[in-house]
Amino acid sequence: MANHASAKKASRQNERRRLHNKYYAKSTRNAIRAIRNSADKKTAEEGAPKVYAMIDKLAKIGVIHKNKASNLKSGIAVYINKLQ
Protein backbone atom coordinates (compact mmCIF):
# COMPACT_ATOMS: atom_id res chain seq x y z
CA MET A 1 0.00 0.00 0.00
CA ALA A 2 1.14 3.53 -0.70
CA ASN A 3 2.74 5.37 2.20
CA HIS A 4 2.91 8.94 0.93
CA ALA A 5 0.06 11.27 0.08
CA SER A 6 1.27 11.68 -3.49
CA ALA A 7 1.50 7.90 -3.94
CA LYS A 8 -2.01 7.47 -2.55
CA LYS A 9 -3.32 10.10 -4.96
CA ALA A 10 -1.50 8.45 -7.87
CA SER A 11 -3.05 5.13 -6.91
CA ARG A 12 -6.54 6.67 -6.94
CA GLN A 13 -5.89 8.31 -10.31
CA ASN A 14 -4.57 5.08 -11.80
CA GLU A 15 -7.67 3.18 -10.70
CA ARG A 16 -9.97 5.83 -12.20
CA ARG A 17 -8.04 5.79 -15.48
CA ARG A 18 -7.99 1.99 -15.57
CA LEU A 19 -11.77 1.82 -15.22
CA HIS A 20 -12.23 4.56 -17.82
CA ASN A 21 -9.96 2.79 -20.32
CA LYS A 22 -11.59 -0.57 -19.61
CA TYR A 23 -15.06 0.86 -20.31
CA TYR A 24 -14.12 2.38 -23.67
CA ALA A 25 -12.08 -0.65 -24.74
CA LYS A 26 -14.95 -3.01 -23.93
CA SER A 27 -17.47 -0.79 -25.72
CA THR A 28 -15.27 -0.76 -28.82
CA ARG A 29 -14.79 -4.54 -28.71
CA ASN A 30 -18.55 -5.02 -28.53
CA ALA A 31 -19.05 -2.69 -31.50
CA ILE A 32 -16.43 -4.57 -33.53
CA ARG A 33 -18.07 -7.86 -32.60
CA ALA A 34 -21.46 -6.53 -33.72
CA ILE A 35 -20.09 -5.66 -37.15
CA ARG A 36 -18.29 -8.99 -37.53
CA ASN A 37 -21.44 -10.88 -36.55
CA SER A 38 -23.66 -9.01 -38.99
CA ALA A 39 -24.42 -10.86 -42.21
CA ASP A 40 -25.89 -7.82 -43.97
CA LYS A 41 -23.39 -5.71 -45.88
CA LYS A 42 -25.48 -2.54 -45.72
CA THR A 43 -25.75 -2.51 -41.92
CA ALA A 44 -22.06 -3.32 -41.57
CA GLU A 45 -21.14 -0.43 -43.88
CA GLU A 46 -23.37 1.96 -41.95
CA GLY A 47 -21.82 1.03 -38.61
CA ALA A 48 -18.21 1.03 -39.81
CA PRO A 49 -17.47 4.79 -39.57
CA LYS A 50 -18.67 4.90 -35.98
CA VAL A 51 -16.50 1.92 -35.05
CA TYR A 52 -13.52 3.41 -36.89
CA ALA A 53 -13.93 6.58 -34.84
CA MET A 54 -14.05 4.56 -31.62
CA ILE A 55 -10.87 2.69 -32.58
CA ASP A 56 -9.09 5.94 -33.53
CA LYS A 57 -10.03 7.47 -30.19
CA LEU A 58 -8.60 4.48 -28.30
CA ALA A 59 -5.34 4.84 -30.22
CA LYS A 60 -5.28 8.59 -29.67
CA ILE A 61 -5.66 8.35 -25.89
CA GLY A 62 -3.15 5.49 -25.69
CA VAL A 63 -5.42 2.60 -24.73
CA ILE A 64 -4.30 0.64 -27.79
CA HIS A 65 -1.30 1.06 -30.07
CA LYS A 66 -1.75 2.89 -33.36
CA ASN A 67 -0.68 -0.18 -35.35
CA LYS A 68 -3.27 -2.31 -33.57
CA ALA A 69 -5.88 0.31 -34.45
CA SER A 70 -4.83 0.10 -38.10
CA ASN A 71 -4.99 -3.68 -38.05
CA LEU A 72 -8.46 -3.67 -36.50
CA LYS A 73 -9.77 -1.17 -39.05
CA SER A 74 -8.22 -3.14 -41.89
CA GLY A 75 -9.78 -6.36 -40.63
CA ILE A 76 -13.20 -4.75 -40.47
CA ALA A 77 -12.82 -3.40 -44.01
CA VAL A 78 -11.78 -6.83 -45.31
CA TYR A 79 -14.77 -8.44 -43.61
CA ILE A 80 -17.20 -5.88 -45.03
CA ASN A 81 -15.78 -6.27 -48.54
CA LYS A 82 -16.27 -10.05 -48.38
CA LEU A 83 -19.94 -9.71 -47.50
CA GLN A 84 -22.49 -10.22 -50.27
C-alpha atoms as a PDB file:
ATOM      1  CA  MET A   1       0.000   0.000   0.000  1.00  0.00           C
ATOM      2  CA  ALA A   2       1.139   3.533  -0.699  1.00  0.00           C
ATOM      3  CA  ASN A   3       2.745   5.366   2.201  1.00  0.00           C
ATOM      4  CA  HIS A   4       2.910   8.937   0.931  1.00  0.00           C
ATOM      5  CA  ALA A   5       0.058  11.272   0.083  1.00  0.00           C
ATOM      6  CA  SER A   6       1.266  11.678  -3.489  1.00  0.00           C
ATOM      7  CA  ALA A   7       1.499   7.905  -3.937  1.00  0.00           C
ATOM      8  CA  LYS A   8      -2.015   7.472  -2.550  1.00  0.00           C
ATOM      9  CA  LYS A   9      -3.320  10.101  -4.963  1.00  0.00           C
ATOM     10  CA  ALA A  10      -1.496   8.453  -7.873  1.00  0.00           C
ATOM     11  CA  SER A  11      -3.049   5.132  -6.905  1.00  0.00           C
ATOM     12  CA  ARG A  12      -6.539   6.674  -6.941  1.00  0.00           C
ATOM     13  CA  GLN A  13      -5.891   8.313 -10.313  1.00  0.00           C
ATOM     14  CA  ASN A  14      -4.565   5.076 -11.800  1.00  0.00           C
ATOM     15  CA  GLU A  15      -7.667   3.184 -10.697  1.00  0.00           C
ATOM     16  CA  ARG A  16      -9.966   5.828 -12.203  1.00  0.00           C
ATOM     17  CA  ARG A  17      -8.035   5.795 -15.475  1.00  0.00           C
ATOM     18  CA  ARG A  18      -7.990   1.988 -15.568  1.00  0.00           C
ATOM     19  CA  LEU A  19     -11.768   1.816 -15.221  1.00  0.00           C
ATOM     20  CA  HIS A  20     -12.235   4.564 -17.817  1.00  0.00           C
ATOM     21  CA  ASN A  21      -9.960   2.786 -20.322  1.00  0.00           C
ATOM     22  CA  LYS A  22     -11.595  -0.567 -19.608  1.00  0.00           C
ATOM     23  CA  TYR A  23     -15.063   0.859 -20.307  1.00  0.00           C
ATOM     24  CA  TYR A  24     -14.122   2.383 -23.666  1.00  0.00           C
ATOM     25  CA  ALA A  25     -12.077  -0.650 -24.741  1.00  0.00           C
ATOM     26  CA  LYS A  26     -14.948  -3.010 -23.933  1.00  0.00           C
ATOM     27  CA  SER A  27     -17.470  -0.791 -25.725  1.00  0.00           C
ATOM     28  CA  THR A  28     -15.269  -0.764 -28.816  1.00  0.00           C
ATOM     29  CA  ARG A  29     -14.786  -4.538 -28.707  1.00  0.00           C
ATOM     30  CA  ASN A  30     -18.552  -5.019 -28.533  1.00  0.00           C
ATOM     31  CA  ALA A  31     -19.053  -2.689 -31.503  1.00  0.00           C
ATOM     32  CA  ILE A  32     -16.430  -4.567 -33.529  1.00  0.00           C
ATOM     33  CA  ARG A  33     -18.071  -7.862 -32.595  1.00  0.00           C
ATOM     34  CA  ALA A  34     -21.463  -6.532 -33.715  1.00  0.00           C
ATOM     35  CA  ILE A  35     -20.086  -5.665 -37.154  1.00  0.00           C
ATOM     36  CA  ARG A  36     -18.292  -8.992 -37.533  1.00  0.00           C
ATOM     37  CA  ASN A  37     -21.445 -10.875 -36.547  1.00  0.00           C
ATOM     38  CA  SER A  38     -23.655  -9.010 -38.993  1.00  0.00           C
ATOM     39  CA  ALA A  39     -24.422 -10.864 -42.209  1.00  0.00           C
ATOM     40  CA  ASP A  40     -25.894  -7.823 -43.975  1.00  0.00           C
ATOM     41  CA  LYS A  41     -23.387  -5.710 -45.883  1.00  0.00           C
ATOM     42  CA  LYS A  42     -25.484  -2.539 -45.718  1.00  0.00           C
ATOM     43  CA  THR A  43     -25.755  -2.507 -41.921  1.00  0.00           C
ATOM     44  CA  ALA A  44     -22.059  -3.319 -41.567  1.00  0.00           C
ATOM     45  CA  GLU A  45     -21.141  -0.427 -43.877  1.00  0.00           C
ATOM     46  CA  GLU A  46     -23.373   1.961 -41.954  1.00  0.00           C
ATOM     47  CA  GLY A  47     -21.816   1.030 -38.611  1.00  0.00           C
ATOM     48  CA  ALA A  48     -18.209   1.030 -39.809  1.00  0.00           C
ATOM     49  CA  PRO A  49     -17.472   4.788 -39.575  1.00  0.00           C
ATOM     50  CA  LYS A  50     -18.675   4.899 -35.978  1.00  0.00           C
ATOM     51  CA  VAL A  51     -16.498   1.917 -35.052  1.00  0.00           C
ATOM     52  CA  TYR A  52     -13.518   3.410 -36.890  1.00  0.00           C
ATOM     53  CA  ALA A  53     -13.926   6.582 -34.837  1.00  0.00           C
ATOM     54  CA  MET A  54     -14.046   4.558 -31.621  1.00  0.00           C
ATOM     55  CA  ILE A  55     -10.874   2.693 -32.584  1.00  0.00           C
ATOM     56  CA  ASP A  56      -9.094   5.937 -33.528  1.00  0.00           C
ATOM     57  CA  LYS A  57     -10.027   7.467 -30.187  1.00  0.00           C
ATOM     58  CA  LEU A  58      -8.596   4.478 -28.300  1.00  0.00           C
ATOM     59  CA  ALA A  59      -5.341   4.844 -30.218  1.00  0.00           C
ATOM     60  CA  LYS A  60      -5.284   8.592 -29.669  1.00  0.00           C
ATOM     61  CA  ILE A  61      -5.662   8.354 -25.894  1.00  0.00           C
ATOM     62  CA  GLY A  62      -3.154   5.492 -25.688  1.00  0.00           C
ATOM     63  CA  VAL A  63      -5.422   2.595 -24.732  1.00  0.00           C
ATOM     64  CA  ILE A  64      -4.296   0.640 -27.791  1.00  0.00           C
ATOM     65  CA  HIS A  65      -1.298   1.056 -30.066  1.00  0.00           C
ATOM     66  CA  LYS A  66      -1.747   2.887 -33.362  1.00  0.00           C
ATOM     67  CA  ASN A  67      -0.682  -0.185 -35.349  1.00  0.00           C
ATOM     68  CA  LYS A  68      -3.268  -2.310 -33.572  1.00  0.00           C
ATOM     69  CA  ALA A  69      -5.876   0.305 -34.446  1.00  0.00           C
ATOM     70  CA  SER A  70      -4.832   0.099 -38.097  1.00  0.00           C
ATOM     71  CA  ASN A  71      -4.990  -3.680 -38.046  1.00  0.00           C
ATOM     72  CA  LEU A  72      -8.457  -3.665 -36.499  1.00  0.00           C
ATOM     73  CA  LYS A  73      -9.774  -1.169 -39.048  1.00  0.00           C
ATOM     74  CA  SER A  74      -8.219  -3.140 -41.889  1.00  0.00           C
ATOM     75  CA  GLY A  75      -9.778  -6.365 -40.633  1.00  0.00           C
ATOM     76  CA  ILE A  76     -13.201  -4.754 -40.471  1.00  0.00           C
ATOM     77  CA  ALA A  77     -12.818  -3.400 -44.010  1.00  0.00           C
ATOM     78  CA  VAL A  78     -11.778  -6.827 -45.307  1.00  0.00           C
ATOM     79  CA  TYR A  79     -14.775  -8.443 -43.605  1.00  0.00           C
ATOM     80  CA  ILE A  80     -17.203  -5.878 -45.028  1.00  0.00           C
ATOM     81  CA  ASN A  81     -15.780  -6.265 -48.540  1.00  0.00           C
ATOM     82  CA  LYS A  82     -16.269 -10.048 -48.378  1.00  0.00           C
ATOM     83  CA  LEU A  83     -19.942  -9.715 -47.502  1.00  0.00           C
ATOM     84  CA  GLN A  84     -22.487 -10.217 -50.268  1.00  0.00           C
END
